[in-house]
PDB file of N, CA and C in Angstrom:
ATOM      1  N   MET A   1      15.209 -28.252 -17.096  1.00  0.00           N
ATOM      2  CA  MET A   1      14.126 -27.322 -17.712  1.00  0.00           C
ATOM      3  C   MET A   1      12.878 -26.971 -16.670  1.00  0.00           C
ATOM      4  N   ALA A   2      12.963 -25.809 -16.154  1.00  0.00           N
ATOM      5  CA  ALA A   2      12.017 -25.475 -14.908  1.00  0.00           C
ATOM      6  C   ALA A   2      10.625 -25.470 -15.674  1.00  0.00           C
ATOM      7  N   GLU A   3       9.362 -25.946 -15.285  1.00  0.00           N
ATOM      8  CA  GLU A   3       7.728 -25.765 -15.400  1.00  0.00           C
ATOM      9  C   GLU A   3       7.310 -25.122 -15.787  1.00  0.00           C
ATOM     10  N   THR A   4       7.245 -24.084 -16.544  1.00  0.00           N
ATOM     11  CA  THR A   4       5.985 -23.385 -16.582  1.00  0.00           C
ATOM     12  C   THR A   4       4.512 -22.980 -15.955  1.00  0.00           C
ATOM     13  N   CYS A   5       4.047 -21.949 -15.631  1.00  0.00           N
ATOM     14  CA  CYS A   5       2.774 -22.521 -15.104  1.00  0.00           C
ATOM     15  C   CYS A   5       1.286 -22.972 -16.190  1.00  0.00           C
ATOM     16  N   SER A   6       1.400 -22.928 -17.667  1.00  0.00           N
ATOM     17  CA  SER A   6       0.603 -23.667 -18.517  1.00  0.00           C
ATOM     18  C   SER A   6       1.328 -24.834 -18.587  1.00  0.00           C
ATOM     19  N   GLU A   7       1.956 -25.468 -17.905  1.00  0.00           N
ATOM     20  CA  GLU A   7       2.204 -26.812 -18.020  1.00  0.00           C
ATOM     21  C   GLU A   7       1.542 -27.565 -16.511  1.00  0.00           C
ATOM     22  N   ARG A   8       2.012 -26.822 -15.766  1.00  0.00           N
ATOM     23  CA  ARG A   8       1.537 -27.456 -14.452  1.00  0.00           C
ATOM     24  C   ARG A   8      -0.623 -26.497 -13.747  1.00  0.00           C
ATOM     25  N   SER A   9      -1.033 -27.705 -12.816  1.00  0.00           N
ATOM     26  CA  SER A   9      -2.421 -26.737 -12.757  1.00  0.00           C
ATOM     27  C   SER A   9      -2.188 -25.151 -11.935  1.00  0.00           C
ATOM     28  N   ARG A  10      -2.972 -24.010 -12.279  1.00  0.00           N
ATOM     29  CA  ARG A  10      -2.899 -22.694 -11.183  1.00  0.00           C
ATOM     30  C   ARG A  10      -3.074 -23.193 -10.011  1.00  0.00           C
ATOM     31  N   SER A  11      -3.594 -23.794  -9.079  1.00  0.00           N
ATOM     32  CA  SER A  11      -3.568 -24.250  -7.808  1.00  0.00           C
ATOM     33  C   SER A  11      -2.036 -24.949  -7.381  1.00  0.00           C
ATOM     34  N   ASN A  12      -1.252 -25.243  -8.203  1.00  0.00           N
ATOM     35  CA  ASN A  12      -0.201 -25.692  -7.594  1.00  0.00           C
ATOM     36  C   ASN A  12       1.406 -24.293  -8.117  1.00  0.00           C
ATOM     37  N   CYS A  13       0.423 -23.205  -8.482  1.00  0.00           N
ATOM     38  CA  CYS A  13       1.125 -21.983  -8.367  1.00  0.00           C
ATOM     39  C   CYS A  13       1.887 -21.916  -7.759  1.00  0.00           C
ATOM     40  N   PRO A  14       3.519 -21.511  -7.446  1.00  0.00           N
ATOM     41  CA  PRO A  14       4.103 -20.883  -6.589  1.00  0.00           C
ATOM     42  C   PRO A  14       3.942 -19.536  -5.760  1.00  0.00           C
ATOM     43  N   VAL A  15       3.433 -19.258  -6.790  1.00  0.00           N
ATOM     44  CA  VAL A  15       3.401 -17.510  -6.395  1.00  0.00           C
ATOM     45  C   VAL A  15       1.920 -16.775  -6.501  1.00  0.00           C
ATOM     46  N   LYS A  16       0.775 -17.590  -6.671  1.00  0.00           N
ATOM     47  CA  LYS A  16      -0.425 -17.166  -6.130  1.00  0.00           C
ATOM     48  C   LYS A  16      -0.889 -17.300  -4.961  1.00  0.00           C
ATOM     49  N   ARG A  17      -0.010 -18.308  -3.603  1.00  0.00           N
ATOM     50  CA  ARG A  17      -0.820 -17.908  -2.323  1.00  0.00           C
ATOM     51  C   ARG A  17      -0.690 -16.496  -1.678  1.00  0.00           C
ATOM     52  N   ASP A  18       0.832 -15.911  -2.529  1.00  0.00           N
ATOM     53  CA  ASP A  18       1.573 -14.718  -2.015  1.00  0.00           C
ATOM     54  C   ASP A  18       0.834 -13.719  -2.549  1.00  0.00           C
ATOM     55  N   ALA A  19       0.441 -13.783  -3.977  1.00  0.00           N
ATOM     56  CA  ALA A  19      -0.122 -12.602  -4.706  1.00  0.00           C
ATOM     57  C   ALA A  19      -2.065 -12.491  -3.614  1.00  0.00           C
ATOM     58  N   GLU A  20      -2.108 -13.272  -3.711  1.00  0.00           N
ATOM     59  CA  GLU A  20      -3.223 -13.224  -2.943  1.00  0.00           C
ATOM     60  C   GLU A  20      -3.526 -12.746  -1.950  1.00  0.00           C
ATOM     61  N   GLU A  21      -2.148 -13.456  -1.114  1.00  0.00           N
ATOM     62  CA  GLU A  21      -2.121 -12.568   0.056  1.00  0.00           C
ATOM     63  C   GLU A  21      -1.867 -10.897   0.494  1.00  0.00           C
ATOM     64  N   THR A  22      -1.113 -11.114  -0.753  1.00  0.00           N
ATOM     65  CA  THR A  22      -0.896  -9.708  -1.045  1.00  0.00           C
ATOM     66  C   THR A  22      -1.692  -8.557  -1.783  1.00  0.00           C
ATOM     67  N   ALA A  23      -3.117  -9.533  -2.515  1.00  0.00           N
ATOM     68  CA  ALA A  23      -3.936  -8.394  -2.801  1.00  0.00           C
ATOM     69  C   ALA A  23      -4.682  -8.313  -0.969  1.00  0.00           C
ATOM     70  N   LYS A  24      -5.363  -8.903  -1.050  1.00  0.00           N
ATOM     71  CA  LYS A  24      -5.982  -9.785   0.756  1.00  0.00           C
ATOM     72  C   LYS A  24      -5.136  -8.358   1.396  1.00  0.00           C
ATOM     73  N   LEU A  25      -4.385  -7.695   1.726  1.00  0.00           N
ATOM     74  CA  LEU A  25      -2.963  -7.110   2.747  1.00  0.00           C
ATOM     75  C   LEU A  25      -3.552  -5.317   2.121  1.00  0.00           C
ATOM     76  N   GLY A  26      -3.012  -5.841   0.869  1.00  0.00           N
ATOM     77  CA  GLY A  26      -3.806  -4.327  -0.002  1.00  0.00           C
ATOM     78  C   GLY A  26      -5.457  -3.682   0.311  1.00  0.00           C
ATOM     79  N   GLY A  27      -5.839  -4.301   0.199  1.00  0.00           N
ATOM     80  CA  GLY A  27      -7.302  -4.000   0.697  1.00  0.00           C
ATOM     81  C   GLY A  27      -7.639  -3.998   1.549  1.00  0.00           C
ATOM     82  N   GLU A  28      -6.663  -4.265   2.651  1.00  0.00           N
ATOM     83  CA  GLU A  28      -6.811  -4.095   4.013  1.00  0.00           C
ATOM     84  C   GLU A  28      -5.940  -2.454   4.219  1.00  0.00           C
ATOM     85  N   THR A  29      -5.506  -2.147   3.997  1.00  0.00           N
ATOM     86  CA  THR A  29      -4.512  -1.185   3.837  1.00  0.00           C
ATOM     87  C   THR A  29      -5.199  -0.296   2.844  1.00  0.00           C
ATOM     88  N   LEU A  30      -5.895  -0.585   2.224  1.00  0.00           N
ATOM     89  CA  LEU A  30      -6.579   1.026   1.120  1.00  0.00           C
ATOM     90  C   LEU A  30      -8.121   0.574   2.981  1.00  0.00           C
ATOM     91  N   LYS A  31      -8.864   0.005   3.447  1.00  0.00           N
ATOM     92  CA  LYS A  31      -9.316   0.499   4.559  1.00  0.00           C
ATOM     93  C   LYS A  31      -8.906   1.053   5.228  1.00  0.00           C
ATOM     94  N   ALA A  32      -8.174   1.069   6.267  1.00  0.00           N
ATOM     95  CA  ALA A  32      -7.485   2.167   7.134  1.00  0.00           C
ATOM     96  C   ALA A  32      -7.012   3.191   6.484  1.00  0.00           C
ATOM     97  N   MET A  33      -6.478   3.372   5.360  1.00  0.00           N
ATOM     98  CA  MET A  33      -5.939   4.674   4.724  1.00  0.00           C
ATOM     99  C   MET A  33      -7.370   5.434   4.103  1.00  0.00           C
ATOM    100  N   ARG A  34      -8.308   4.547   4.042  1.00  0.00           N
ATOM    101  CA  ARG A  34      -9.997   5.553   3.562  1.00  0.00           C
ATOM    102  C   ARG A  34     -10.523   5.975   5.512  1.00  0.00           C
ATOM    103  N   ARG A  35     -10.279   5.111   6.744  1.00  0.00           N
ATOM    104  CA  ARG A  35     -10.980   5.305   7.960  1.00  0.00           C
ATOM    105  C   ARG A  35      -9.571   6.754   8.303  1.00  0.00           C
ATOM    106  N   LEU A  36      -8.712   6.784   7.551  1.00  0.00           N
ATOM    107  CA  LEU A  36      -7.680   7.452   7.847  1.00  0.00           C
ATOM    108  C   LEU A  36      -7.739   9.114   7.950  1.00  0.00           C
ATOM    109  N   ARG A  37      -8.455   8.739   5.932  1.00  0.00           N
ATOM    110  CA  ARG A  37      -8.852  10.315   5.582  1.00  0.00           C
ATOM    111  C   ARG A  37      -9.643  10.964   6.159  1.00  0.00           C
ATOM    112  N   ARG A  38     -11.056   9.656   6.787  1.00  0.00           N
ATOM    113  CA  ARG A  38     -12.288  10.644   7.098  1.00  0.00           C
ATOM    114  C   ARG A  38     -11.730  10.943   8.327  1.00  0.00           C
ATOM    115  N   ARG A  39     -10.913  10.200   9.016  1.00  0.00           N
ATOM    116  CA  ARG A  39     -10.539  11.393  10.443  1.00  0.00           C
ATOM    117  C   ARG A  39      -9.852  12.455  10.208  1.00  0.00           C
ATOM    118  N   MET A  40      -9.095  13.160   8.932  1.00  0.00           N
ATOM    119  CA  MET A  40      -8.213  13.816   9.151  1.00  0.00           C
ATOM    120  C   MET A  40      -9.341  15.031   8.236  1.00  0.00           C
ATOM    121  N   ARG A  41     -10.368  14.498   8.372  1.00  0.00           N
ATOM    122  CA  ARG A  41     -11.512  16.280   7.649  1.00  0.00           C
ATOM    123  C   ARG A  41     -11.512  16.919   8.243  1.00  0.00           C
ATOM    124  N   TYR A  42     -10.769  17.030  10.190  1.00  0.00           N
ATOM    125  CA  TYR A  42     -11.369  17.346  11.346  1.00  0.00           C
ATOM    126  C   TYR A  42      -9.515  18.677  11.399  1.00  0.00           C
ATOM    127  N   CYS A  43      -8.758  18.051  10.529  1.00  0.00           N
ATOM    128  CA  CYS A  43      -7.767  18.605  10.753  1.00  0.00           C
ATOM    129  C   CYS A  43      -7.559  20.068  10.615  1.00  0.00           C
ATOM    130  N   PRO A  44      -8.380  20.479   8.849  1.00  0.00           N
ATOM    131  CA  PRO A  44      -8.053  22.041   9.314  1.00  0.00           C
ATOM    132  C   PRO A  44      -8.523  22.903   9.444  1.00  0.00           C
ATOM    133  N   GLU A  45      -9.489  22.421  11.258  1.00  0.00           N
ATOM    134  CA  GLU A  45      -9.915  23.355  11.800  1.00  0.00           C
ATOM    135  C   GLU A  45      -9.095  23.328  13.865  1.00  0.00           C
ATOM    136  N   CYS A  46      -7.670  21.978  13.395  1.00  0.00           N
ATOM    137  CA  CYS A  46      -6.593  22.370  14.273  1.00  0.00           C
ATOM    138  C   CYS A  46      -6.640  23.232  14.162  1.00  0.00           C
ATOM    139  N   ALA A  47      -5.410  23.917  15.570  1.00  0.00           N
ATOM    140  CA  ALA A  47      -5.219  25.087  15.365  1.00  0.00           C
ATOM    141  C   ALA A  47      -3.566  24.819  14.886  1.00  0.00           C
ATOM    142  N   ASP A  48      -3.142  24.138  14.749  1.00  0.00           N
ATOM    143  CA  ASP A  48      -1.883  23.518  14.512  1.00  0.00           C
ATOM    144  C   ASP A  48      -1.624  22.887  12.913  1.00  0.00           C
ATOM    145  N   TYR A  49      -2.544  22.800  12.179  1.00  0.00           N
ATOM    146  CA  TYR A  49      -2.748  22.565  11.315  1.00  0.00           C
ATOM    147  C   TYR A  49      -1.752  22.655  10.121  1.00  0.00           C
ATOM    148  N   ASP A  50      -1.435  23.707  10.150  1.00  0.00           N
ATOM    149  CA  ASP A  50      -0.061  24.370   9.468  1.00  0.00           C
ATOM    150  C   ASP A  50       1.104  24.015   9.382  1.00  0.00           C
ATOM    151  N   ASP A  51       1.051  24.011  10.638  1.00  0.00           N
ATOM    152  CA  ASP A  51       3.231  23.833  10.746  1.00  0.00           C
ATOM    153  C   ASP A  51       2.629  22.495  11.472  1.00  0.00           C
ATOM    154  N   CYS A  52       1.674  20.918  11.938  1.00  0.00           N
ATOM    155  CA  CYS A  52       1.580  20.134  11.879  1.00  0.00           C
ATOM    156  C   CYS A  52       2.553  18.099  12.059  1.00  0.00           C
ATOM    157  N   PRO A  53       3.741  18.415  12.827  1.00  0.00           N
ATOM    158  CA  PRO A  53       4.664  17.378  13.038  1.00  0.00           C
ATOM    159  C   PRO A  53       3.267  15.942  12.499  1.00  0.00           C
ATOM    160  N   VAL A  54       2.483  15.469  12.752  1.00  0.00           N
ATOM    161  CA  VAL A  54       2.315  14.470  12.798  1.00  0.00           C
ATOM    162  C   VAL A  54       1.844  14.524  11.413  1.00  0.00           C
ATOM    163  N   LEU A  55       0.953  15.603  11.057  1.00  0.00           N
ATOM    164  CA  LEU A  55       0.700  15.190   9.279  1.00  0.00           C
ATOM    165  C   LEU A  55       1.331  15.202   8.354  1.00  0.00           C
ATOM    166  N   ALA A  56       3.027  16.050   9.179  1.00  0.00           N
ATOM    167  CA  ALA A  56       4.188  16.257   7.920  1.00  0.00           C
ATOM    168  C   ALA A  56       4.687  14.626   7.746  1.00  0.00           C
ATOM    169  N   GLU A  57       5.099  14.161   8.559  1.00  0.00           N
ATOM    170  CA  GLU A  57       5.550  12.694   9.332  1.00  0.00           C
ATOM    171  C   GLU A  57       4.553  11.929   8.345  1.00  0.00           C
ATOM    172  N   PHE A  58       3.611  11.716   8.530  1.00  0.00           N
ATOM    173  CA  PHE A  58       2.829  10.897   7.623  1.00  0.00           C
ATOM    174  C   PHE A  58       2.336  10.707   6.696  1.00  0.00           C
ATOM    175  N   HIS A  59       3.003  12.571   5.644  1.00  0.00           N
ATOM    176  CA  HIS A  59       2.358  12.258   4.713  1.00  0.00           C
ATOM    177  C   HIS A  59       4.768  11.970   4.160  1.00  0.00           C
ATOM    178  N   ALA A  60       5.311  11.933   5.028  1.00  0.00           N
ATOM    179  CA  ALA A  60       6.991  11.914   4.622  1.00  0.00           C
ATOM    180  C   ALA A  60       6.733  10.323   4.387  1.00  0.00           C
ATOM    181  N   MET A  61       6.076   9.017   5.387  1.00  0.00           N
ATOM    182  CA  MET A  61       5.913   8.216   4.963  1.00  0.00           C
ATOM    183  C   MET A  61       5.120   7.309   4.351  1.00  0.00           C
ATOM    184  N   VAL A  62       3.550   7.996   3.635  1.00  0.00           N
ATOM    185  CA  VAL A  62       3.775   7.888   2.505  1.00  0.00           C
ATOM    186  C   VAL A  62       4.400   7.679   1.542  1.00  0.00           C
ATOM    187  N   ASP A  63       4.564   9.075   0.728  1.00  0.00           N
ATOM    188  CA  ASP A  63       5.410   9.364  -0.072  1.00  0.00           C
ATOM    189  C   ASP A  63       6.872   8.466  -0.073  1.00  0.00           C
ATOM    190  N   GLN A  64       7.765   8.061   0.691  1.00  0.00           N
ATOM    191  CA  GLN A  64       9.248   6.637   0.907  1.00  0.00           C
ATOM    192  C   GLN A  64       7.985   5.502   0.472  1.00  0.00           C
ATOM    193  N   VAL A  65       6.565   5.128   0.820  1.00  0.00           N
ATOM    194  CA  VAL A  65       5.947   3.802   0.454  1.00  0.00           C
ATOM    195  C   VAL A  65       6.088   3.617  -0.835  1.00  0.00           C
ATOM    196  N   ILE A  66       5.369   4.917  -1.094  1.00  0.00           N
ATOM    197  CA  ILE A  66       5.465   4.760  -2.589  1.00  0.00           C
ATOM    198  C   ILE A  66       6.574   5.012  -3.500  1.00  0.00           C
ATOM    199  N   GLN A  67       7.908   6.330  -2.794  1.00  0.00           N
ATOM    200  CA  GLN A  67       8.702   5.082  -4.074  1.00  0.00           C
ATOM    201  C   GLN A  67       8.689   4.120  -4.103  1.00  0.00           C
ATOM    202  N   GLU A  68       9.044   3.697  -3.161  1.00  0.00           N
ATOM    203  CA  GLU A  68       9.637   1.999  -3.241  1.00  0.00           C
ATOM    204  C   GLU A  68       8.936   1.429  -3.503  1.00  0.00           C
ATOM    205  N   ILE A  69       8.063   1.322  -3.898  1.00  0.00           N
ATOM    206  CA  ILE A  69       7.053   0.816  -4.342  1.00  0.00           C
ATOM    207  C   ILE A  69       7.185   0.786  -5.929  1.00  0.00           C
ATOM    208  N   GLN A  70       7.050   2.136  -6.029  1.00  0.00           N
ATOM    209  CA  GLN A  70       7.495   2.610  -7.798  1.00  0.00           C
ATOM    210  C   GLN A  70       8.878   1.982  -8.227  1.00  0.00           C
ATOM    211  N   GLU A  71      10.050   2.171  -7.362  1.00  0.00           N
ATOM    212  CA  GLU A  71      11.541   1.767  -8.042  1.00  0.00           C
ATOM    213  C   GLU A  71      10.869  -0.163  -8.443  1.00  0.00           C
ATOM    214  N   GLU A  72      10.386  -0.923  -6.545  1.00  0.00           N
ATOM    215  CA  GLU A  72      10.821  -1.658  -6.568  1.00  0.00           C
ATOM    216  C   GLU A  72      10.054  -2.686  -7.955  1.00  0.00           C
ATOM    217  N   TRP A  73       9.026  -1.502  -8.265  1.00  0.00           N
ATOM    218  CA  TRP A  73       8.428  -2.591  -9.676  1.00  0.00           C
ATOM    219  C   TRP A  73       7.844  -1.751 -10.693  1.00  0.00           C
ATOM    220  N   GLY A  74       9.285  -1.332 -10.709  1.00  0.00           N
ATOM    221  CA  GLY A  74       9.347  -0.509 -12.427  1.00  0.00           C
ATOM    222  C   GLY A  74       8.420   0.563 -12.824  1.00  0.00           C
ATOM    223  N   LEU A  75       7.616   1.170 -11.846  1.00  0.00           N
ATOM    224  CA  LEU A  75       6.180   2.040 -12.564  1.00  0.00           C
ATOM    225  C   LEU A  75       6.746   3.388 -12.801  1.00  0.00           C
ATOM    226  N   ARG A  76       8.149   4.085 -12.952  1.00  0.00           N
ATOM    227  CA  ARG A  76       8.450   5.310 -13.113  1.00  0.00           C
ATOM    228  C   ARG A  76       8.456   5.435 -14.480  1.00  0.00           C
TER     229      ARG A  76
END
């Protein structure tokens, strides 16, 4: 029978390191997204804004990532 987390010290938890690293990367991603949002403030002033392929591709990528996370973690 496998040991439970309560039976071992939390410092030996096999998930802890990965969870901490994931949280760190998530924080870095959030910072990058905020930087991008600030830069995108100027997009509406661009002549190509309404048909911008860069924005369309970016939004499609973000939508795909969000869908995958929701499906894999049962967040729907």
